Amino acid sequence: MFGSMIRYFSTKPKPKMKPIELKTSPEQTQTISRVTFDILKEHGPLTIGDTWERVKEVGLRALTSKRHMKIVLRWMRGRQNIRLICNHVGPHKQFL
């Protein structure tokens, strides 16, 4: 019991994640999230790479990079607009 108590107090707690704040204007944020949501809704569960390819095909200029798109997807997950699923087909996570 003493050993388990020491192990419990020696582990660091998980850091609290603060809400994601996007640095784009509200109009751009709305456009980006709407287009991304439409892509995910139309084409079903997509990985990050597939989503990025579809966004490039659409030609959305507000998304500057794949990293920016990942941040937007994380923000949309936080607002419960989309969910993250795992189909166990491969090692990649997919958004729905």
PDB file of N, CA and C in Angstrom:
ATOM      1  N   MET A   1       0.822  -1.188   0.000  1.00  0.00           N
ATOM      2  CA  MET A   1       0.000   0.000   0.000  1.00  0.00           C
ATOM      3  C   MET A   1       0.870   1.257   0.000  1.00  0.00           C
ATOM      4  N   PHE A   2       1.934   1.195   0.763  1.00  0.00           N
ATOM      5  CA  PHE A   2       2.825   2.344   0.834  1.00  0.00           C
ATOM      6  C   PHE A   2       3.478   2.613  -0.526  1.00  0.00           C
ATOM      7  N   GLY A   3       3.836   1.529  -1.243  1.00  0.00           N
ATOM      8  CA  GLY A   3       4.449   1.680  -2.571  1.00  0.00           C
ATOM      9  C   GLY A   3       3.489   2.290  -3.576  1.00  0.00           C
ATOM     10  N   SER A   4       2.238   1.860  -3.518  1.00  0.00           N
ATOM     11  CA  SER A   4       1.272   2.412  -4.470  1.00  0.00           C
ATOM     12  C   SER A   4       0.977   3.874  -4.170  1.00  0.00           C
ATOM     13  N   MET A   5       1.022   4.254  -2.887  1.00  0.00           N
ATOM     14  CA  MET A   5       0.798   5.646  -2.522  1.00  0.00           C
ATOM     15  C   MET A   5       1.951   6.518  -3.029  1.00  0.00           C
ATOM     16  N   ILE A   6       3.158   6.007  -2.938  1.00  0.00           N
ATOM     17  CA  ILE A   6       4.318   6.746  -3.438  1.00  0.00           C
ATOM     18  C   ILE A   6       4.214   6.901  -4.957  1.00  0.00           C
ATOM     19  N   ARG A   7       3.813   5.819  -5.667  1.00  0.00           N
ATOM     20  CA  ARG A   7       3.657   5.898  -7.108  1.00  0.00           C
ATOM     21  C   ARG A   7       2.567   6.905  -7.496  1.00  0.00           C
ATOM     22  N   TYR A   8       1.483   6.939  -6.726  1.00  0.00           N
ATOM     23  CA  TYR A   8       0.383   7.856  -7.014  1.00  0.00           C
ATOM     24  C   TYR A   8       0.833   9.309  -6.896  1.00  0.00           C
ATOM     25  N   PHE A   9       1.589   9.627  -5.862  1.00  0.00           N
ATOM     26  CA  PHE A   9       2.016  11.002  -5.642  1.00  0.00           C
ATOM     27  C   PHE A   9       3.229  11.384  -6.485  1.00  0.00           C
ATOM     28  N   SER A  10       3.942  10.411  -7.025  1.00  0.00           N
ATOM     29  CA  SER A  10       5.127  10.734  -7.815  1.00  0.00           C
ATOM     30  C   SER A  10       4.780  11.031  -9.267  1.00  0.00           C
ATOM     31  N   THR A  11       3.604  10.620  -9.739  1.00  0.00           N
ATOM     32  CA  THR A  11       3.231  10.899 -11.130  1.00  0.00           C
ATOM     33  C   THR A  11       2.702  12.325 -11.260  1.00  0.00           C
ATOM     34  N   LYS A  12       3.022  12.921 -12.371  1.00  0.00           N
ATOM     35  CA  LYS A  12       2.555  14.289 -12.615  1.00  0.00           C
ATOM     36  C   LYS A  12       1.143  14.233 -13.191  1.00  0.00           C
ATOM     37  N   PRO A  13       0.292  15.167 -12.823  1.00  0.00           N
ATOM     38  CA  PRO A  13      -1.058  15.176 -13.396  1.00  0.00           C
ATOM     39  C   PRO A  13      -1.033  15.626 -14.855  1.00  0.00           C
ATOM     40  N   LYS A  14      -2.043  15.245 -15.584  1.00  0.00           N
ATOM     41  CA  LYS A  14      -2.168  15.640 -16.974  1.00  0.00           C
ATOM     42  C   LYS A  14      -2.397  17.149 -17.042  1.00  0.00           C
ATOM     43  N   PRO A  15      -1.685  17.855 -17.910  1.00  0.00           N
ATOM     44  CA  PRO A  15      -1.872  19.310 -17.967  1.00  0.00           C
ATOM     45  C   PRO A  15      -3.266  19.657 -18.485  1.00  0.00           C
ATOM     46  N   LYS A  16      -3.831  20.707 -17.959  1.00  0.00           N
ATOM     47  CA  LYS A  16      -5.149  21.165 -18.383  1.00  0.00           C
ATOM     48  C   LYS A  16      -5.015  21.844 -19.743  1.00  0.00           C
ATOM     49  N   MET A  17      -5.873  21.457 -20.644  1.00  0.00           N
ATOM     50  CA  MET A  17      -5.846  22.046 -21.977  1.00  0.00           C
ATOM     51  C   MET A  17      -6.812  23.217 -22.013  1.00  0.00           C
ATOM     52  N   LYS A  18      -6.313  24.364 -22.380  1.00  0.00           N
ATOM     53  CA  LYS A  18      -7.196  25.521 -22.480  1.00  0.00           C
ATOM     54  C   LYS A  18      -7.889  25.488 -23.841  1.00  0.00           C
ATOM     55  N   PRO A  19      -9.017  26.143 -23.969  1.00  0.00           N
ATOM     56  CA  PRO A  19      -9.726  26.151 -25.249  1.00  0.00           C
ATOM     57  C   PRO A  19      -8.877  26.789 -26.347  1.00  0.00           C
ATOM     58  N   ILE A  20      -9.033  26.276 -27.546  1.00  0.00           N
ATOM     59  CA  ILE A  20      -8.270  26.785 -28.683  1.00  0.00           C
ATOM     60  C   ILE A  20      -8.897  28.093 -29.155  1.00  0.00           C
ATOM     61  N   GLU A  21      -8.053  29.096 -29.325  1.00  0.00           N
ATOM     62  CA  GLU A  21      -8.496  30.389 -29.835  1.00  0.00           C
ATOM     63  C   GLU A  21      -7.857  30.608 -31.200  1.00  0.00           C
ATOM     64  N   LEU A  22      -8.683  30.693 -32.217  1.00  0.00           N
ATOM     65  CA  LEU A  22      -8.165  30.908 -33.568  1.00  0.00           C
ATOM     66  C   LEU A  22      -7.810  32.372 -33.767  1.00  0.00           C
ATOM     67  N   LYS A  23      -6.739  32.604 -34.520  1.00  0.00           N
ATOM     68  CA  LYS A  23      -6.262  33.971 -34.720  1.00  0.00           C
ATOM     69  C   LYS A  23      -6.841  34.612 -35.977  1.00  0.00           C
ATOM     70  N   THR A  24      -7.683  33.891 -36.687  1.00  0.00           N
ATOM     71  CA  THR A  24      -8.299  34.458 -37.883  1.00  0.00           C
ATOM     72  C   THR A  24      -9.553  35.240 -37.503  1.00  0.00           C
ATOM     73  N   SER A  25     -10.025  36.046 -38.436  1.00  0.00           N
ATOM     74  CA  SER A  25     -11.232  36.828 -38.175  1.00  0.00           C
ATOM     75  C   SER A  25     -12.445  35.886 -38.098  1.00  0.00           C
ATOM     76  N   PRO A  26     -13.511  36.314 -37.429  1.00  0.00           N
ATOM     77  CA  PRO A  26     -14.697  35.448 -37.318  1.00  0.00           C
ATOM     78  C   PRO A  26     -15.295  35.063 -38.674  1.00  0.00           C
ATOM     79  N   GLU A  27     -15.223  35.966 -39.656  1.00  0.00           N
ATOM     80  CA  GLU A  27     -15.760  35.654 -40.978  1.00  0.00           C
ATOM     81  C   GLU A  27     -14.946  34.545 -41.643  1.00  0.00           C
ATOM     82  N   GLN A  28     -13.615  34.662 -41.550  1.00  0.00           N
ATOM     83  CA  GLN A  28     -12.759  33.627 -42.121  1.00  0.00           C
ATOM     84  C   GLN A  28     -12.942  32.304 -41.394  1.00  0.00           C
ATOM     85  N   THR A  29     -13.058  32.357 -40.078  1.00  0.00           N
ATOM     86  CA  THR A  29     -13.259  31.141 -39.296  1.00  0.00           C
ATOM     87  C   THR A  29     -14.548  30.456 -39.700  1.00  0.00           C
ATOM     88  N   GLN A  30     -15.597  31.224 -39.891  1.00  0.00           N
ATOM     89  CA  GLN A  30     -16.877  30.655 -40.294  1.00  0.00           C
ATOM     90  C   GLN A  30     -16.776  30.027 -41.683  1.00  0.00           C
ATOM     91  N   THR A  31     -16.086  30.684 -42.599  1.00  0.00           N
ATOM     92  CA  THR A  31     -15.920  30.152 -43.948  1.00  0.00           C
ATOM     93  C   THR A  31     -15.121  28.857 -43.920  1.00  0.00           C
ATOM     94  N   ILE A  32     -14.011  28.863 -43.194  1.00  0.00           N
ATOM     95  CA  ILE A  32     -13.154  27.682 -43.117  1.00  0.00           C
ATOM     96  C   ILE A  32     -13.918  26.507 -42.508  1.00  0.00           C
ATOM     97  N   SER A  33     -14.594  26.747 -41.391  1.00  0.00           N
ATOM     98  CA  SER A  33     -15.290  25.649 -40.725  1.00  0.00           C
ATOM     99  C   SER A  33     -16.452  25.137 -41.570  1.00  0.00           C
ATOM    100  N   ARG A  34     -17.141  26.023 -42.259  1.00  0.00           N
ATOM    101  CA  ARG A  34     -18.269  25.593 -43.103  1.00  0.00           C
ATOM    102  C   ARG A  34     -17.780  24.734 -44.270  1.00  0.00           C
ATOM    103  N   VAL A  35     -16.716  25.166 -44.938  1.00  0.00           N
ATOM    104  CA  VAL A  35     -16.185  24.405 -46.071  1.00  0.00           C
ATOM    105  C   VAL A  35     -15.641  23.060 -45.604  1.00  0.00           C
ATOM    106  N   THR A  36     -14.912  23.062 -44.507  1.00  0.00           N
ATOM    107  CA  THR A  36     -14.359  21.815 -43.977  1.00  0.00           C
ATOM    108  C   THR A  36     -15.469  20.861 -43.557  1.00  0.00           C
ATOM    109  N   PHE A  37     -16.490  21.378 -42.905  1.00  0.00           N
ATOM    110  CA  PHE A  37     -17.613  20.544 -42.489  1.00  0.00           C
ATOM    111  C   PHE A  37     -18.330  19.963 -43.708  1.00  0.00           C
ATOM    112  N   ASP A  38     -18.522  20.775 -44.754  1.00  0.00           N
ATOM    113  CA  ASP A  38     -19.172  20.278 -45.971  1.00  0.00           C
ATOM    114  C   ASP A  38     -18.353  19.176 -46.635  1.00  0.00           C
ATOM    115  N   ILE A  39     -17.037  19.331 -46.637  1.00  0.00           N
ATOM    116  CA  ILE A  39     -16.160  18.298 -47.213  1.00  0.00           C
ATOM    117  C   ILE A  39     -16.293  17.005 -46.427  1.00  0.00           C
ATOM    118  N   LEU A  40     -16.248  17.093 -45.098  1.00  0.00           N
ATOM    119  CA  LEU A  40     -16.356  15.890 -44.271  1.00  0.00           C
ATOM    120  C   LEU A  40     -17.736  15.257 -44.391  1.00  0.00           C
ATOM    121  N   LYS A  41     -18.760  16.080 -44.511  1.00  0.00           N
ATOM    122  CA  LYS A  41     -20.130  15.565 -44.626  1.00  0.00           C
ATOM    123  C   LYS A  41     -20.343  14.872 -45.971  1.00  0.00           C
ATOM    124  N   GLU A  42     -19.778  15.444 -47.021  1.00  0.00           N
ATOM    125  CA  GLU A  42     -19.976  14.903 -48.363  1.00  0.00           C
ATOM    126  C   GLU A  42     -19.184  13.627 -48.610  1.00  0.00           C
ATOM    127  N   HIS A  43     -17.946  13.585 -48.152  1.00  0.00           N
ATOM    128  CA  HIS A  43     -17.056  12.470 -48.476  1.00  0.00           C
ATOM    129  C   HIS A  43     -16.906  11.451 -47.351  1.00  0.00           C
ATOM    130  N   GLY A  44     -17.617  11.622 -46.257  1.00  0.00           N
ATOM    131  CA  GLY A  44     -17.575  10.642 -45.178  1.00  0.00           C
ATOM    132  C   GLY A  44     -16.342  10.782 -44.313  1.00  0.00           C
ATOM    133  N   PRO A  45     -16.040   9.763 -43.526  1.00  0.00           N
ATOM    134  CA  PRO A  45     -14.855   9.839 -42.657  1.00  0.00           C
ATOM    135  C   PRO A  45     -13.578   9.984 -43.479  1.00  0.00           C
ATOM    136  N   LEU A  46     -12.786  10.988 -43.149  1.00  0.00           N
ATOM    137  CA  LEU A  46     -11.540  11.254 -43.872  1.00  0.00           C
ATOM    138  C   LEU A  46     -10.392  11.397 -42.890  1.00  0.00           C
ATOM    139  N   THR A  47      -9.220  11.014 -43.331  1.00  0.00           N
ATOM    140  CA  THR A  47      -8.022  11.250 -42.536  1.00  0.00           C
ATOM    141  C   THR A  47      -7.595  12.702 -42.735  1.00  0.00           C
ATOM    142  N   ILE A  48      -6.599  13.121 -41.965  1.00  0.00           N
ATOM    143  CA  ILE A  48      -6.084  14.491 -42.092  1.00  0.00           C
ATOM    144  C   ILE A  48      -5.547  14.729 -43.507  1.00  0.00           C
ATOM    145  N   GLY A  49      -4.774  13.770 -44.010  1.00  0.00           N
ATOM    146  CA  GLY A  49      -4.196  13.923 -45.347  1.00  0.00           C
ATOM    147  C   GLY A  49      -5.246  14.019 -46.434  1.00  0.00           C
ATOM    148  N   ASP A  50      -6.271  13.163 -46.348  1.00  0.00           N
ATOM    149  CA  ASP A  50      -7.345  13.201 -47.342  1.00  0.00           C
ATOM    150  C   ASP A  50      -8.129  14.505 -47.259  1.00  0.00           C
ATOM    151  N   THR A  51      -8.363  14.969 -46.050  1.00  0.00           N
ATOM    152  CA  THR A  51      -9.078  16.231 -45.870  1.00  0.00           C
ATOM    153  C   THR A  51      -8.278  17.379 -46.471  1.00  0.00           C
ATOM    154  N   TRP A  52      -6.967  17.371 -46.249  1.00  0.00           N
ATOM    155  CA  TRP A  52      -6.109  18.430 -46.793  1.00  0.00           C
ATOM    156  C   TRP A  52      -6.130  18.411 -48.315  1.00  0.00           C
ATOM    157  N   GLU A  53      -6.115  17.226 -48.921  1.00  0.00           N
ATOM    158  CA  GLU A  53      -6.185  17.127 -50.381  1.00  0.00           C
ATOM    159  C   GLU A  53      -7.499  17.700 -50.909  1.00  0.00           C
ATOM    160  N   ARG A  54      -8.603  17.394 -50.231  1.00  0.00           N
ATOM    161  CA  ARG A  54      -9.916  17.915 -50.655  1.00  0.00           C
ATOM    162  C   ARG A  54      -9.981  19.437 -50.502  1.00  0.00           C
ATOM    163  N   VAL A  55      -9.392  19.958 -49.420  1.00  0.00           N
ATOM    164  CA  VAL A  55      -9.398  21.411 -49.213  1.00  0.00           C
ATOM    165  C   VAL A  55      -8.581  22.097 -50.298  1.00  0.00           C
ATOM    166  N   LYS A  56      -7.462  21.502 -50.698  1.00  0.00           N
ATOM    167  CA  LYS A  56      -6.659  22.083 -51.775  1.00  0.00           C
ATOM    168  C   LYS A  56      -7.409  22.052 -53.092  1.00  0.00           C
ATOM    169  N   GLU A  57      -8.193  20.985 -53.325  1.00  0.00           N
ATOM    170  CA  GLU A  57      -8.989  20.908 -54.550  1.00  0.00           C
ATOM    171  C   GLU A  57     -10.039  22.015 -54.597  1.00  0.00           C
ATOM    172  N   VAL A  58     -10.658  22.299 -53.440  1.00  0.00           N
ATOM    173  CA  VAL A  58     -11.670  23.352 -53.365  1.00  0.00           C
ATOM    174  C   VAL A  58     -11.027  24.717 -53.594  1.00  0.00           C
ATOM    175  N   GLY A  59      -9.785  24.883 -53.145  1.00  0.00           N
ATOM    176  CA  GLY A  59      -9.077  26.146 -53.345  1.00  0.00           C
ATOM    177  C   GLY A  59      -9.386  27.170 -52.275  1.00  0.00           C
ATOM    178  N   LEU A  60      -9.546  26.732 -51.049  1.00  0.00           N
ATOM    179  CA  LEU A  60      -9.825  27.635 -49.932  1.00  0.00           C
ATOM    180  C   LEU A  60      -8.537  28.364 -49.565  1.00  0.00           C
ATOM    181  N   ARG A  61      -8.494  29.665 -49.778  1.00  0.00           N
ATOM    182  CA  ARG A  61      -7.272  30.443 -49.541  1.00  0.00           C
ATOM    183  C   ARG A  61      -7.082  30.820 -48.076  1.00  0.00           C
ATOM    184  N   ALA A  62      -8.136  30.730 -47.288  1.00  0.00           N
ATOM    185  CA  ALA A  62      -8.025  31.128 -45.885  1.00  0.00           C
ATOM    186  C   ALA A  62      -7.175  30.146 -45.092  1.00  0.00           C
ATOM    187  N   LEU A  63      -7.153  28.879 -45.506  1.00  0.00           N
ATOM    188  CA  LEU A  63      -6.284  27.902 -44.842  1.00  0.00           C
ATOM    189  C   LEU A  63      -4.899  28.005 -45.455  1.00  0.00           C
ATOM    190  N   THR A  64      -3.929  28.376 -44.638  1.00  0.00           N
ATOM    191  CA  THR A  64      -2.594  28.616 -45.166  1.00  0.00           C
ATOM    192  C   THR A  64      -1.732  27.369 -45.206  1.00  0.00           C
ATOM    193  N   SER A  65      -1.998  26.407 -44.325  1.00  0.00           N
ATOM    194  CA  SER A  65      -1.174  25.207 -44.282  1.00  0.00           C
ATOM    195  C   SER A  65      -1.959  24.048 -43.680  1.00  0.00           C
ATOM    196  N   LYS A  66      -1.347  22.884 -43.780  1.00  0.00           N
ATOM    197  CA  LYS A  66      -1.958  21.685 -43.199  1.00  0.00           C
ATOM    198  C   LYS A  66      -2.012  21.812 -41.681  1.00  0.00           C
ATOM    199  N   ARG A  67      -1.017  22.440 -41.105  1.00  0.00           N
ATOM    200  CA  ARG A  67      -0.982  22.653 -39.657  1.00  0.00           C
ATOM    201  C   ARG A  67      -2.150  23.541 -39.217  1.00  0.00           C
ATOM    202  N   HIS A  68      -2.425  24.582 -39.987  1.00  0.00           N
ATOM    203  CA  HIS A  68      -3.554  25.469 -39.696  1.00  0.00           C
ATOM    204  C   HIS A  68      -4.867  24.689 -39.767  1.00  0.00           C
ATOM    205  N   MET A  69      -4.979  23.778 -40.757  1.00  0.00           N
ATOM    206  CA  MET A  69      -6.191  22.967 -40.876  1.00  0.00           C
ATOM    207  C   MET A  69      -6.356  22.042 -39.671  1.00  0.00           C
ATOM    208  N   LYS A  70      -5.258  21.479 -39.182  1.00  0.00           N
ATOM    209  CA  LYS A  70      -5.327  20.612 -37.999  1.00  0.00           C
ATOM    210  C   LYS A  70      -5.817  21.384 -36.783  1.00  0.00           C
ATOM    211  N   ILE A  71      -5.353  22.616 -36.636  1.00  0.00           N
ATOM    212  CA  ILE A  71      -5.796  23.449 -35.516  1.00  0.00           C
ATOM    213  C   ILE A  71      -7.283  23.744 -35.636  1.00  0.00           C
ATOM    214  N   VAL A  72      -7.735  24.029 -36.857  1.00  0.00           N
ATOM    215  CA  VAL A  72      -9.162  24.299 -37.075  1.00  0.00           C
ATOM    216  C   VAL A  72      -9.990  23.055 -36.774  1.00  0.00           C
ATOM    217  N   LEU A  73      -9.510  21.874 -37.195  1.00  0.00           N
ATOM    218  CA  LEU A  73     -10.236  20.632 -36.907  1.00  0.00           C
ATOM    219  C   LEU A  73     -10.304  20.371 -35.404  1.00  0.00           C
ATOM    220  N   ARG A  74      -9.220  20.664 -34.699  1.00  0.00           N
ATOM    221  CA  ARG A  74      -9.211  20.498 -33.235  1.00  0.00           C
ATOM    222  C   ARG A  74     -10.199  21.473 -32.592  1.00  0.00           C
ATOM    223  N   TRP A  75     -10.260  22.693 -33.138  1.00  0.00           N
ATOM    224  CA  TRP A  75     -11.203  23.690 -32.638  1.00  0.00           C
ATOM    225  C   TRP A  75     -12.638  23.235 -32.895  1.00  0.00           C
ATOM    226  N   MET A  76     -12.896  22.684 -34.068  1.00  0.00           N
ATOM    227  CA  MET A  76     -14.233  22.183 -34.387  1.00  0.00           C
ATOM    228  C   MET A  76     -14.601  20.990 -33.497  1.00  0.00           C
ATOM    229  N   ARG A  77     -13.627  20.165 -33.161  1.00  0.00           N
ATOM    230  CA  ARG A  77     -13.878  19.052 -32.232  1.00  0.00           C
ATOM    231  C   ARG A  77     -14.248  19.574 -30.855  1.00  0.00           C
ATOM    232  N   GLY A  78     -13.576  20.616 -30.418  1.00  0.00           N
ATOM    233  CA  GLY A  78     -13.870  21.217 -29.120  1.00  0.00           C
ATOM    234  C   GLY A  78     -15.258  21.819 -29.060  1.00  0.00           C
ATOM    235  N   ARG A  79     -15.722  22.336 -30.175  1.00  0.00           N
ATOM    236  CA  ARG A  79     -17.067  22.907 -30.233  1.00  0.00           C
ATOM    237  C   ARG A  79     -18.122  21.852 -30.561  1.00  0.00           C
ATOM    238  N   GLN A  80     -17.690  20.606 -30.696  1.00  0.00           N
ATOM    239  CA  GLN A  80     -18.540  19.445 -30.969  1.00  0.00           C
ATOM    240  C   GLN A  80     -19.257  19.557 -32.303  1.00  0.00           C
ATOM    241  N   ASN A  81     -18.578  20.138 -33.291  1.00  0.00           N
ATOM    242  CA  ASN A  81     -19.110  20.164 -34.654  1.00  0.00           C
ATOM    243  C   ASN A  81     -18.796  18.870 -35.381  1.00  0.00           C
ATOM    244  N   ILE A  82     -17.636  18.282 -35.065  1.00  0.00           N
ATOM    245  CA  ILE A  82     -17.224  17.026 -35.683  1.00  0.00           C
ATOM    246  C   ILE A  82     -16.740  16.088 -34.596  1.00  0.00           C
ATOM    247  N   ARG A  83     -16.618  14.801 -34.937  1.00  0.00           N
ATOM    248  CA  ARG A  83     -16.076  13.849 -33.982  1.00  0.00           C
ATOM    249  C   ARG A  83     -14.895  13.124 -34.607  1.00  0.00           C
ATOM    250  N   LEU A  84     -14.065  12.585 -33.751  1.00  0.00           N
ATOM    251  CA  LEU A  84     -12.914  11.813 -34.168  1.00  0.00           C
ATOM    252  C   LEU A  84     -13.256  10.354 -33.970  1.00  0.00           C
ATOM    253  N   ILE A  85     -13.108   9.540 -35.024  1.00  0.00           N
ATOM    254  CA  ILE A  85     -13.429   8.123 -34.911  1.00  0.00           C
ATOM    255  C   ILE A  85     -12.214   7.307 -35.313  1.00  0.00           C
ATOM    256  N   CYS A  86     -12.235   6.048 -34.959  1.00  0.00           N
ATOM    257  CA  CYS A  86     -11.171   5.131 -35.348  1.00  0.00           C
ATOM    258  C   CYS A  86     -11.829   3.905 -35.958  1.00  0.00           C
ATOM    259  N   ASN A  87     -11.618   3.680 -37.244  1.00  0.00           N
ATOM    260  CA  ASN A  87     -12.234   2.551 -37.939  1.00  0.00           C
ATOM    261  C   ASN A  87     -11.415   1.270 -37.808  1.00  0.00           C
ATOM    262  N   HIS A  88     -10.243   1.339 -37.233  1.00  0.00           N
ATOM    263  CA  HIS A  88      -9.336   0.201 -37.071  1.00  0.00           C
ATOM    264  C   HIS A  88      -8.944  -0.420 -38.403  1.00  0.00           C
ATOM    265  N   VAL A  89      -8.990   0.382 -39.475  1.00  0.00           N
ATOM    266  CA  VAL A  89      -8.542  -0.096 -40.775  1.00  0.00           C
ATOM    267  C   VAL A  89      -7.034   0.068 -40.881  1.00  0.00           C
ATOM    268  N   GLY A  90      -6.534   1.136 -40.336  1.00  0.00           N
ATOM    269  CA  GLY A  90      -5.104   1.419 -40.367  1.00  0.00           C
ATOM    270  C   GLY A  90      -4.723   2.222 -39.142  1.00  0.00           C
ATOM    271  N   PRO A  91      -3.526   2.778 -39.141  1.00  0.00           N
ATOM    272  CA  PRO A  91      -3.067   3.531 -37.984  1.00  0.00           C
ATOM    273  C   PRO A  91      -3.580   4.963 -37.945  1.00  0.00           C
ATOM    274  N   HIS A  92      -4.363   5.385 -38.945  1.00  0.00           N
ATOM    275  CA  HIS A  92      -4.788   6.768 -39.048  1.00  0.00           C
ATOM    276  C   HIS A  92      -6.137   6.994 -38.377  1.00  0.00           C
ATOM    277  N   LYS A  93      -6.281   8.131 -37.713  1.00  0.00           N
ATOM    278  CA  LYS A  93      -7.561   8.530 -37.150  1.00  0.00           C
ATOM    279  C   LYS A  93      -8.362   9.231 -38.233  1.00  0.00           C
ATOM    280  N   GLN A  94      -9.668   9.157 -38.136  1.00  0.00           N
ATOM    281  CA  GLN A  94     -10.500   9.784 -39.146  1.00  0.00           C
ATOM    282  C   GLN A  94     -11.523  10.693 -38.485  1.00  0.00           C
ATOM    283  N   PHE A  95     -11.874  11.765 -39.185  1.00  0.00           N
ATOM    284  CA  PHE A  95     -12.883  12.704 -38.705  1.00  0.00           C
ATOM    285  C   PHE A  95     -14.196  12.405 -39.399  1.00  0.00           C
ATOM    286  N   LEU A  96     -15.277  12.547 -38.645  1.00  0.00           N
ATOM    287  CA  LEU A  96     -16.618  12.308 -39.182  1.00  0.00           C
ATOM    288  C   LEU A  96     -17.499  13.493 -38.887  1.00  0.00           C
TER     289      LEU A  96
END
